[in-house]
Amino acid sequence: PYELLFDSPGMDMVMTAHVFNARL
C-alpha cells in the first residue's frame, strides 16, 4: 500500500508501528 500510494500526490505523513521484526 505504501509503494502504491507514494506514487500519488498528497502523502502528508507516515506513522510508525511499534512492532519488532528481527528480519528487518
mmCIF file of all heavy atoms, coordinates in Angstrom:
data_MODEL
# 
_entry.id   MODEL 
# 
loop_
_atom_site.group_PDB 
_atom_site.id 
_atom_site.type_symbol 
_atom_site.label_atom_id 
_atom_site.label_alt_id 
_atom_site.label_comp_id 
_atom_site.label_asym_id 
_atom_site.label_entity_id 
_atom_site.label_seq_id 
_atom_site.pdbx_PDB_ins_code 
_atom_site.Cartn_x 
_atom_site.Cartn_y 
_atom_site.Cartn_z 
_atom_site.occupancy 
_atom_site.B_iso_or_equiv 
_atom_site.pdbx_formal_charge 
_atom_site.auth_seq_id 
_atom_site.auth_comp_id 
_atom_site.auth_asym_id 
_atom_site.auth_atom_id 
_atom_site.pdbx_PDB_model_num 
ATOM 1   N N   . PRO A 1 1  ? 0.816  -1.226  0.000  1.00 0.00 ? 1  PRO A N   1 
ATOM 2   C CA  . PRO A 1 1  ? 0.000  0.000   0.000  1.00 0.00 ? 1  PRO A CA  1 
ATOM 3   C C   . PRO A 1 1  ? 0.846  1.270   0.000  1.00 0.00 ? 1  PRO A C   1 
ATOM 4   O O   . PRO A 1 1  ? 0.497  2.254   -0.665 1.00 0.00 ? 1  PRO A O   1 
ATOM 5   C CB  . PRO A 1 1  ? -0.824 -0.126  1.282  1.00 0.00 ? 1  PRO A CB  1 
ATOM 6   C CG  . PRO A 1 1  ? -0.925 -1.599  1.524  1.00 0.00 ? 1  PRO A CG  1 
ATOM 7   C CD  . PRO A 1 1  ? 0.399  -2.146  1.084  1.00 0.00 ? 1  PRO A CD  1 
ATOM 8   N N   . TYR A 1 2  ? 1.956  1.251   0.726  1.00 0.00 ? 2  TYR A N   1 
ATOM 9   C CA  . TYR A 1 2  ? 2.833  2.416   0.753  1.00 0.00 ? 2  TYR A CA  1 
ATOM 10  C C   . TYR A 1 2  ? 3.464  2.639   -0.625 1.00 0.00 ? 2  TYR A C   1 
ATOM 11  O O   . TYR A 1 2  ? 3.498  3.773   -1.133 1.00 0.00 ? 2  TYR A O   1 
ATOM 12  C CB  . TYR A 1 2  ? 3.929  2.233   1.810  1.00 0.00 ? 2  TYR A CB  1 
ATOM 13  C CG  . TYR A 1 2  ? 3.392  2.140   3.216  1.00 0.00 ? 2  TYR A CG  1 
ATOM 14  C CD1 . TYR A 1 2  ? 3.156  0.905   3.809  1.00 0.00 ? 2  TYR A CD1 1 
ATOM 15  C CD2 . TYR A 1 2  ? 3.100  3.289   3.940  1.00 0.00 ? 2  TYR A CD2 1 
ATOM 16  C CE1 . TYR A 1 2  ? 2.648  0.813   5.100  1.00 0.00 ? 2  TYR A CE1 1 
ATOM 17  C CE2 . TYR A 1 2  ? 2.598  3.211   5.227  1.00 0.00 ? 2  TYR A CE2 1 
ATOM 18  C CZ  . TYR A 1 2  ? 2.365  1.969   5.796  1.00 0.00 ? 2  TYR A CZ  1 
ATOM 19  O OH  . TYR A 1 2  ? 1.853  1.896   7.075  1.00 0.00 ? 2  TYR A OH  1 
ATOM 20  N N   . GLU A 1 3  ? 3.949  1.567   -1.250 1.00 0.00 ? 3  GLU A N   1 
ATOM 21  C CA  . GLU A 1 3  ? 4.565  1.680   -2.567 1.00 0.00 ? 3  GLU A CA  1 
ATOM 22  C C   . GLU A 1 3  ? 3.578  2.259   -3.575 1.00 0.00 ? 3  GLU A C   1 
ATOM 23  O O   . GLU A 1 3  ? 3.932  3.110   -4.399 1.00 0.00 ? 3  GLU A O   1 
ATOM 24  C CB  . GLU A 1 3  ? 5.058  0.308   -3.026 1.00 0.00 ? 3  GLU A CB  1 
ATOM 25  C CG  . GLU A 1 3  ? 6.189  -0.255  -2.169 1.00 0.00 ? 3  GLU A CG  1 
ATOM 26  C CD  . GLU A 1 3  ? 6.519  -1.696  -2.506 1.00 0.00 ? 3  GLU A CD  1 
ATOM 27  O OE1 . GLU A 1 3  ? 5.606  -2.410  -2.979 1.00 0.00 ? 3  GLU A OE1 1 
ATOM 28  O OE2 . GLU A 1 3  ? 7.667  -2.119  -2.313 1.00 0.00 ? 3  GLU A OE2 1 
ATOM 29  N N   . LEU A 1 4  ? 2.332  1.817   -3.519 1.00 0.00 ? 4  LEU A N   1 
ATOM 30  C CA  . LEU A 1 4  ? 1.317  2.296   -4.453 1.00 0.00 ? 4  LEU A CA  1 
ATOM 31  C C   . LEU A 1 4  ? 0.916  3.738   -4.159 1.00 0.00 ? 4  LEU A C   1 
ATOM 32  O O   . LEU A 1 4  ? 0.757  4.545   -5.076 1.00 0.00 ? 4  LEU A O   1 
ATOM 33  C CB  . LEU A 1 4  ? 0.083  1.379   -4.388 1.00 0.00 ? 4  LEU A CB  1 
ATOM 34  C CG  . LEU A 1 4  ? 0.298  -0.051  -4.888 1.00 0.00 ? 4  LEU A CG  1 
ATOM 35  C CD1 . LEU A 1 4  ? -0.886 -0.930  -4.500 1.00 0.00 ? 4  LEU A CD1 1 
ATOM 36  C CD2 . LEU A 1 4  ? 0.502  -0.069  -6.403 1.00 0.00 ? 4  LEU A CD2 1 
ATOM 37  N N   . LEU A 1 5  ? 0.767  4.070   -2.896 1.00 0.00 ? 5  LEU A N   1 
ATOM 38  C CA  . LEU A 1 5  ? 0.304  5.409   -2.523 1.00 0.00 ? 5  LEU A CA  1 
ATOM 39  C C   . LEU A 1 5  ? 1.386  6.462   -2.703 1.00 0.00 ? 5  LEU A C   1 
ATOM 40  O O   . LEU A 1 5  ? 1.072  7.627   -2.967 1.00 0.00 ? 5  LEU A O   1 
ATOM 41  C CB  . LEU A 1 5  ? -0.195 5.402   -1.080 1.00 0.00 ? 5  LEU A CB  1 
ATOM 42  C CG  . LEU A 1 5  ? -1.524 4.677   -0.879 1.00 0.00 ? 5  LEU A CG  1 
ATOM 43  C CD1 . LEU A 1 5  ? -1.756 4.367   0.594  1.00 0.00 ? 5  LEU A CD1 1 
ATOM 44  C CD2 . LEU A 1 5  ? -2.679 5.488   -1.436 1.00 0.00 ? 5  LEU A CD2 1 
ATOM 45  N N   . PHE A 1 6  ? 2.643  6.086   -2.567 1.00 0.00 ? 6  PHE A N   1 
ATOM 46  C CA  . PHE A 1 6  ? 3.722  7.063   -2.728 1.00 0.00 ? 6  PHE A CA  1 
ATOM 47  C C   . PHE A 1 6  ? 3.827  7.558   -4.172 1.00 0.00 ? 6  PHE A C   1 
ATOM 48  O O   . PHE A 1 6  ? 4.480  8.561   -4.442 1.00 0.00 ? 6  PHE A O   1 
ATOM 49  C CB  . PHE A 1 6  ? 5.062  6.471   -2.288 1.00 0.00 ? 6  PHE A CB  1 
ATOM 50  C CG  . PHE A 1 6  ? 5.191  6.298   -0.803 1.00 0.00 ? 6  PHE A CG  1 
ATOM 51  C CD1 . PHE A 1 6  ? 6.203  5.524   -0.261 1.00 0.00 ? 6  PHE A CD1 1 
ATOM 52  C CD2 . PHE A 1 6  ? 4.297  6.910   0.067  1.00 0.00 ? 6  PHE A CD2 1 
ATOM 53  C CE1 . PHE A 1 6  ? 6.323  5.356   1.109  1.00 0.00 ? 6  PHE A CE1 1 
ATOM 54  C CE2 . PHE A 1 6  ? 4.408  6.744   1.445  1.00 0.00 ? 6  PHE A CE2 1 
ATOM 55  C CZ  . PHE A 1 6  ? 5.421  5.969   1.961  1.00 0.00 ? 6  PHE A CZ  1 
ATOM 56  N N   . ASP A 1 7  ? 3.182  6.867   -5.094 1.00 0.00 ? 7  ASP A N   1 
ATOM 57  C CA  . ASP A 1 7  ? 3.175  7.309   -6.485 1.00 0.00 ? 7  ASP A CA  1 
ATOM 58  C C   . ASP A 1 7  ? 2.107  8.359   -6.756 1.00 0.00 ? 7  ASP A C   1 
ATOM 59  O O   . ASP A 1 7  ? 2.038  8.897   -7.851 1.00 0.00 ? 7  ASP A O   1 
ATOM 60  C CB  . ASP A 1 7  ? 2.950  6.111   -7.425 1.00 0.00 ? 7  ASP A CB  1 
ATOM 61  C CG  . ASP A 1 7  ? 4.157  5.178   -7.458 1.00 0.00 ? 7  ASP A CG  1 
ATOM 62  O OD1 . ASP A 1 7  ? 5.271  5.660   -7.202 1.00 0.00 ? 7  ASP A OD1 1 
ATOM 63  O OD2 . ASP A 1 7  ? 3.964  3.983   -7.724 1.00 0.00 ? 7  ASP A OD2 1 
ATOM 64  N N   . SER A 1 8  ? 1.256  8.638   -5.756 1.00 0.00 ? 8  SER A N   1 
ATOM 65  C CA  . SER A 1 8  ? 0.194  9.626   -5.934 1.00 0.00 ? 8  SER A CA  1 
ATOM 66  C C   . SER A 1 8  ? 0.462  10.820  -5.023 1.00 0.00 ? 8  SER A C   1 
ATOM 67  O O   . SER A 1 8  ? 1.219  10.720  -4.052 1.00 0.00 ? 8  SER A O   1 
ATOM 68  C CB  . SER A 1 8  ? -1.165 9.009   -5.601 1.00 0.00 ? 8  SER A CB  1 
ATOM 69  O OG  . SER A 1 8  ? -1.204 8.560   -4.262 1.00 0.00 ? 8  SER A OG  1 
ATOM 70  N N   . PRO A 1 9  ? -0.148 11.975  -5.321 1.00 0.00 ? 9  PRO A N   1 
ATOM 71  C CA  . PRO A 1 9  ? 0.116  13.174  -4.507 1.00 0.00 ? 9  PRO A CA  1 
ATOM 72  C C   . PRO A 1 9  ? -0.596 13.126  -3.160 1.00 0.00 ? 9  PRO A C   1 
ATOM 73  O O   . PRO A 1 9  ? -1.521 12.335  -2.957 1.00 0.00 ? 9  PRO A O   1 
ATOM 74  C CB  . PRO A 1 9  ? -0.453 14.305  -5.376 1.00 0.00 ? 9  PRO A CB  1 
ATOM 75  C CG  . PRO A 1 9  ? -1.536 13.641  -6.174 1.00 0.00 ? 9  PRO A CG  1 
ATOM 76  C CD  . PRO A 1 9  ? -1.055 12.248  -6.447 1.00 0.00 ? 9  PRO A CD  1 
ATOM 77  N N   . GLY A 1 10 ? -0.147 13.969  -2.253 1.00 0.00 ? 10 GLY A N   1 
ATOM 78  C CA  . GLY A 1 10 ? -0.882 14.148  -1.009 1.00 0.00 ? 10 GLY A CA  1 
ATOM 79  C C   . GLY A 1 10 ? -0.448 13.292  0.145  1.00 0.00 ? 10 GLY A C   1 
ATOM 80  O O   . GLY A 1 10 ? -1.217 13.075  1.084  1.00 0.00 ? 10 GLY A O   1 
ATOM 81  N N   . MET A 1 11 ? 0.778  12.775  0.128  1.00 0.00 ? 11 MET A N   1 
ATOM 82  C CA  . MET A 1 11 ? 1.255  11.974  1.243  1.00 0.00 ? 11 MET A CA  1 
ATOM 83  C C   . MET A 1 11 ? 1.820  12.904  2.318  1.00 0.00 ? 11 MET A C   1 
ATOM 84  O O   . MET A 1 11 ? 2.964  13.349  2.232  1.00 0.00 ? 11 MET A O   1 
ATOM 85  C CB  . MET A 1 11 ? 2.329  10.984  0.788  1.00 0.00 ? 11 MET A CB  1 
ATOM 86  C CG  . MET A 1 11 ? 1.866  9.970   -0.237 1.00 0.00 ? 11 MET A CG  1 
ATOM 87  S SD  . MET A 1 11 ? 0.465  8.983   0.305  1.00 0.00 ? 11 MET A SD  1 
ATOM 88  C CE  . MET A 1 11 ? -0.844 9.713   -0.674 1.00 0.00 ? 11 MET A CE  1 
ATOM 89  N N   . ASP A 1 12 ? 1.029  13.212  3.316  1.00 0.00 ? 12 ASP A N   1 
ATOM 90  C CA  . ASP A 1 12 ? 1.435  14.191  4.324  1.00 0.00 ? 12 ASP A CA  1 
ATOM 91  C C   . ASP A 1 12 ? 2.343  13.594  5.382  1.00 0.00 ? 12 ASP A C   1 
ATOM 92  O O   . ASP A 1 12 ? 3.365  14.172  5.734  1.00 0.00 ? 12 ASP A O   1 
ATOM 93  C CB  . ASP A 1 12 ? 0.194  14.777  5.012  1.00 0.00 ? 12 ASP A CB  1 
ATOM 94  C CG  . ASP A 1 12 ? -0.727 15.467  4.041  1.00 0.00 ? 12 ASP A CG  1 
ATOM 95  O OD1 . ASP A 1 12 ? -0.230 16.257  3.210  1.00 0.00 ? 12 ASP A OD1 1 
ATOM 96  O OD2 . ASP A 1 12 ? -1.944 15.220  4.093  1.00 0.00 ? 12 ASP A OD2 1 
ATOM 97  N N   . MET A 1 13 ? 1.950  12.442  5.904  1.00 0.00 ? 13 MET A N   1 
ATOM 98  C CA  . MET A 1 13 ? 2.701  11.809  6.989  1.00 0.00 ? 13 MET A CA  1 
ATOM 99  C C   . MET A 1 13 ? 2.609  10.298  6.873  1.00 0.00 ? 13 MET A C   1 
ATOM 100 O O   . MET A 1 13 ? 1.648  9.760   6.319  1.00 0.00 ? 13 MET A O   1 
ATOM 101 C CB  . MET A 1 13 ? 2.127  12.193  8.365  1.00 0.00 ? 13 MET A CB  1 
ATOM 102 C CG  . MET A 1 13 ? 2.240  13.629  8.750  1.00 0.00 ? 13 MET A CG  1 
ATOM 103 S SD  . MET A 1 13 ? 1.634  13.838  10.462 1.00 0.00 ? 13 MET A SD  1 
ATOM 104 C CE  . MET A 1 13 ? 1.754  15.626  10.605 1.00 0.00 ? 13 MET A CE  1 
ATOM 105 N N   . VAL A 1 14 ? 3.612  9.646   7.443  1.00 0.00 ? 14 VAL A N   1 
ATOM 106 C CA  . VAL A 1 14 ? 3.562  8.202   7.671  1.00 0.00 ? 14 VAL A CA  1 
ATOM 107 C C   . VAL A 1 14 ? 3.796  7.979   9.149  1.00 0.00 ? 14 VAL A C   1 
ATOM 108 O O   . VAL A 1 14 ? 4.751  8.509   9.720  1.00 0.00 ? 14 VAL A O   1 
ATOM 109 C CB  . VAL A 1 14 ? 4.619  7.452   6.840  1.00 0.00 ? 14 VAL A CB  1 
ATOM 110 C CG1 . VAL A 1 14 ? 4.702  5.992   7.278  1.00 0.00 ? 14 VAL A CG1 1 
ATOM 111 C CG2 . VAL A 1 14 ? 4.300  7.534   5.351  1.00 0.00 ? 14 VAL A CG2 1 
ATOM 112 N N   . MET A 1 15 ? 2.911  7.200   9.779  1.00 0.00 ? 15 MET A N   1 
ATOM 113 C CA  . MET A 1 15 ? 3.050  6.881   11.199 1.00 0.00 ? 15 MET A CA  1 
ATOM 114 C C   . MET A 1 15 ? 3.740  5.531   11.366 1.00 0.00 ? 15 MET A C   1 
ATOM 115 O O   . MET A 1 15 ? 3.464  4.582   10.632 1.00 0.00 ? 15 MET A O   1 
ATOM 116 C CB  . MET A 1 15 ? 1.691  6.845   11.895 1.00 0.00 ? 15 MET A CB  1 
ATOM 117 C CG  . MET A 1 15 ? 1.770  6.450   13.368 1.00 0.00 ? 15 MET A CG  1 
ATOM 118 S SD  . MET A 1 15 ? 0.174  6.404   14.214 1.00 0.00 ? 15 MET A SD  1 
ATOM 119 C CE  . MET A 1 15 ? -0.078 8.156   14.505 1.00 0.00 ? 15 MET A CE  1 
ATOM 120 N N   . THR A 1 16 ? 4.620  5.460   12.353 1.00 0.00 ? 16 THR A N   1 
ATOM 121 C CA  . THR A 1 16 ? 5.368  4.235   12.622 1.00 0.00 ? 16 THR A CA  1 
ATOM 122 C C   . THR A 1 16 ? 4.539  3.217   13.391 1.00 0.00 ? 16 THR A C   1 
ATOM 123 O O   . THR A 1 16 ? 3.555  3.551   14.045 1.00 0.00 ? 16 THR A O   1 
ATOM 124 C CB  . THR A 1 16 ? 6.621  4.543   13.449 1.00 0.00 ? 16 THR A CB  1 
ATOM 125 O OG1 . THR A 1 16 ? 6.221  4.936   14.779 1.00 0.00 ? 16 THR A OG1 1 
ATOM 126 C CG2 . THR A 1 16 ? 7.445  5.658   12.829 1.00 0.00 ? 16 THR A CG2 1 
ATOM 127 N N   . ALA A 1 17 ? 4.975  1.968   13.315 1.00 0.00 ? 17 ALA A N   1 
ATOM 128 C CA  . ALA A 1 17 ? 4.405  0.892   14.134 1.00 0.00 ? 17 ALA A CA  1 
ATOM 129 C C   . ALA A 1 17 ? 5.423  0.517   15.208 1.00 0.00 ? 17 ALA A C   1 
ATOM 130 O O   . ALA A 1 17 ? 6.621  0.477   14.948 1.00 0.00 ? 17 ALA A O   1 
ATOM 131 C CB  . ALA A 1 17 ? 4.086  -0.322  13.275 1.00 0.00 ? 17 ALA A CB  1 
ATOM 132 N N   . HIS A 1 18 ? 4.937  0.196   16.400 1.00 0.00 ? 18 HIS A N   1 
ATOM 133 C CA  . HIS A 1 18 ? 5.824  -0.244  17.485 1.00 0.00 ? 18 HIS A CA  1 
ATOM 134 C C   . HIS A 1 18 ? 6.036  -1.756  17.433 1.00 0.00 ? 18 HIS A C   1 
ATOM 135 O O   . HIS A 1 18 ? 6.077  -2.417  18.469 1.00 0.00 ? 18 HIS A O   1 
ATOM 136 C CB  . HIS A 1 18 ? 5.215  0.115   18.844 1.00 0.00 ? 18 HIS A CB  1 
ATOM 137 C CG  . HIS A 1 18 ? 5.073  1.577   19.107 1.00 0.00 ? 18 HIS A CG  1 
ATOM 138 N ND1 . HIS A 1 18 ? 5.879  2.547   18.548 1.00 0.00 ? 18 HIS A ND1 1 
ATOM 139 C CD2 . HIS A 1 18 ? 4.195  2.247   19.906 1.00 0.00 ? 18 HIS A CD2 1 
ATOM 140 C CE1 . HIS A 1 18 ? 5.514  3.744   18.986 1.00 0.00 ? 18 HIS A CE1 1 
ATOM 141 N NE2 . HIS A 1 18 ? 4.502  3.590   19.801 1.00 0.00 ? 18 HIS A NE2 1 
ATOM 142 N N   . VAL A 1 19 ? 6.158  -2.290  16.237 1.00 0.00 ? 19 VAL A N   1 
ATOM 143 C CA  . VAL A 1 19 ? 6.323  -3.747  16.110 1.00 0.00 ? 19 VAL A CA  1 
ATOM 144 C C   . VAL A 1 19 ? 7.787  -4.103  15.921 1.00 0.00 ? 19 VAL A C   1 
ATOM 145 O O   . VAL A 1 19 ? 8.545  -3.378  15.277 1.00 0.00 ? 19 VAL A O   1 
ATOM 146 C CB  . VAL A 1 19 ? 5.476  -4.302  14.929 1.00 0.00 ? 19 VAL A CB  1 
ATOM 147 C CG1 . VAL A 1 19 ? 3.996  -4.130  15.206 1.00 0.00 ? 19 VAL A CG1 1 
ATOM 148 C CG2 . VAL A 1 19 ? 5.871  -3.652  13.607 1.00 0.00 ? 19 VAL A CG2 1 
ATOM 149 N N   . PHE A 1 20 ? 8.163  -5.237  16.485 1.00 0.00 ? 20 PHE A N   1 
ATOM 150 C CA  . PHE A 1 20 ? 9.521  -5.757  16.354 1.00 0.00 ? 20 PHE A CA  1 
ATOM 151 C C   . PHE A 1 20 ? 9.535  -6.834  15.292 1.00 0.00 ? 20 PHE A C   1 
ATOM 152 O O   . PHE A 1 20 ? 8.689  -7.730  15.280 1.00 0.00 ? 20 PHE A O   1 
ATOM 153 C CB  . PHE A 1 20 ? 9.996  -6.334  17.691 1.00 0.00 ? 20 PHE A CB  1 
ATOM 154 C CG  . PHE A 1 20 ? 11.348 -6.989  17.621 1.00 0.00 ? 20 PHE A CG  1 
ATOM 155 C CD1 . PHE A 1 20 ? 12.508 -6.227  17.683 1.00 0.00 ? 20 PHE A CD1 1 
ATOM 156 C CD2 . PHE A 1 20 ? 11.462 -8.367  17.479 1.00 0.00 ? 20 PHE A CD2 1 
ATOM 157 C CE1 . PHE A 1 20 ? 13.761 -6.829  17.607 1.00 0.00 ? 20 PHE A CE1 1 
ATOM 158 C CE2 . PHE A 1 20 ? 12.709 -8.976  17.412 1.00 0.00 ? 20 PHE A CE2 1 
ATOM 159 C CZ  . PHE A 1 20 ? 13.861 -8.202  17.476 1.00 0.00 ? 20 PHE A CZ  1 
ATOM 160 N N   . ASN A 1 21 ? 10.500 -6.745  14.380 1.00 0.00 ? 21 ASN A N   1 
ATOM 161 C CA  . ASN A 1 21 ? 10.654 -7.744  13.325 1.00 0.00 ? 21 ASN A CA  1 
ATOM 162 C C   . ASN A 1 21 ? 12.136 -8.023  13.152 1.00 0.00 ? 21 ASN A C   1 
ATOM 163 O O   . ASN A 1 21 ? 12.866 -7.217  12.561 1.00 0.00 ? 21 ASN A O   1 
ATOM 164 C CB  . ASN A 1 21 ? 10.046 -7.235  12.013 1.00 0.00 ? 21 ASN A CB  1 
ATOM 165 C CG  . ASN A 1 21 ? 10.038 -8.288  10.917 1.00 0.00 ? 21 ASN A CG  1 
ATOM 166 O OD1 . ASN A 1 21 ? 10.787 -9.260  10.978 1.00 0.00 ? 21 ASN A OD1 1 
ATOM 167 N ND2 . ASN A 1 21 ? 9.190  -8.091  9.917  1.00 0.00 ? 21 ASN A ND2 1 
ATOM 168 N N   . ALA A 1 22 ? 12.586 -9.137  13.688 1.00 0.00 ? 22 ALA A N   1 
ATOM 169 C CA  . ALA A 1 22 ? 14.017 -9.458  13.672 1.00 0.00 ? 22 ALA A CA  1 
ATOM 170 C C   . ALA A 1 22 ? 14.560 -9.598  12.256 1.00 0.00 ? 22 ALA A C   1 
ATOM 171 O O   . ALA A 1 22 ? 15.761 -9.445  12.032 1.00 0.00 ? 22 ALA A O   1 
ATOM 172 C CB  . ALA A 1 22 ? 14.270 -10.744 14.453 1.00 0.00 ? 22 ALA A CB  1 
ATOM 173 N N   . ARG A 1 23 ? 13.683 -9.849  11.285 1.00 0.00 ? 23 ARG A N   1 
ATOM 174 C CA  . ARG A 1 23 ? 14.137 -9.951  9.891  1.00 0.00 ? 23 ARG A CA  1 
ATOM 175 C C   . ARG A 1 23 ? 14.475 -8.577  9.318  1.00 0.00 ? 23 ARG A C   1 
ATOM 176 O O   . ARG A 1 23 ? 15.240 -8.473  8.356  1.00 0.00 ? 23 ARG A O   1 
ATOM 177 C CB  . ARG A 1 23 ? 13.074 -10.632 9.044  1.00 0.00 ? 23 ARG A CB  1 
ATOM 178 C CG  . ARG A 1 23 ? 12.921 -12.126 9.328  1.00 0.00 ? 23 ARG A CG  1 
ATOM 179 C CD  . ARG A 1 23 ? 11.904 -12.747 8.399  1.00 0.00 ? 23 ARG A CD  1 
ATOM 180 N NE  . ARG A 1 23 ? 10.542 -12.326 8.730  1.00 0.00 ? 23 ARG A NE  1 
ATOM 181 C CZ  . ARG A 1 23 ? 9.530  -12.349 7.872  1.00 0.00 ? 23 ARG A CZ  1 
ATOM 182 N NH1 . ARG A 1 23 ? 9.716  -12.723 6.618  1.00 0.00 ? 23 ARG A NH1 1 
ATOM 183 N NH2 . ARG A 1 23 ? 8.313  -11.999 8.257  1.00 0.00 ? 23 ARG A NH2 1 
ATOM 184 N N   . LEU A 1 24 ? 13.889 -7.532  9.903  1.00 0.00 ? 24 LEU A N   1 
ATOM 185 C CA  . LEU A 1 24 ? 14.154 -6.174  9.436  1.00 0.00 ? 24 LEU A CA  1 
ATOM 186 C C   . LEU A 1 24 ? 15.183 -5.468  10.303 1.00 0.00 ? 24 LEU A C   1 
ATOM 187 O O   . LEU A 1 24 ? 15.971 -4.668  9.819  1.00 0.00 ? 24 LEU A O   1 
ATOM 188 C CB  . LEU A 1 24 ? 12.855 -5.363  9.405  1.00 0.00 ? 24 LEU A CB  1 
ATOM 189 C CG  . LEU A 1 24 ? 11.711 -5.932  8.556  1.00 0.00 ? 24 LEU A CG  1 
ATOM 190 C CD1 . LEU A 1 24 ? 10.498 -5.012  8.631  1.00 0.00 ? 24 LEU A CD1 1 
ATOM 191 C CD2 . LEU A 1 24 ? 12.150 -6.137  7.118  1.00 0.00 ? 24 LEU A CD2 1 
# 
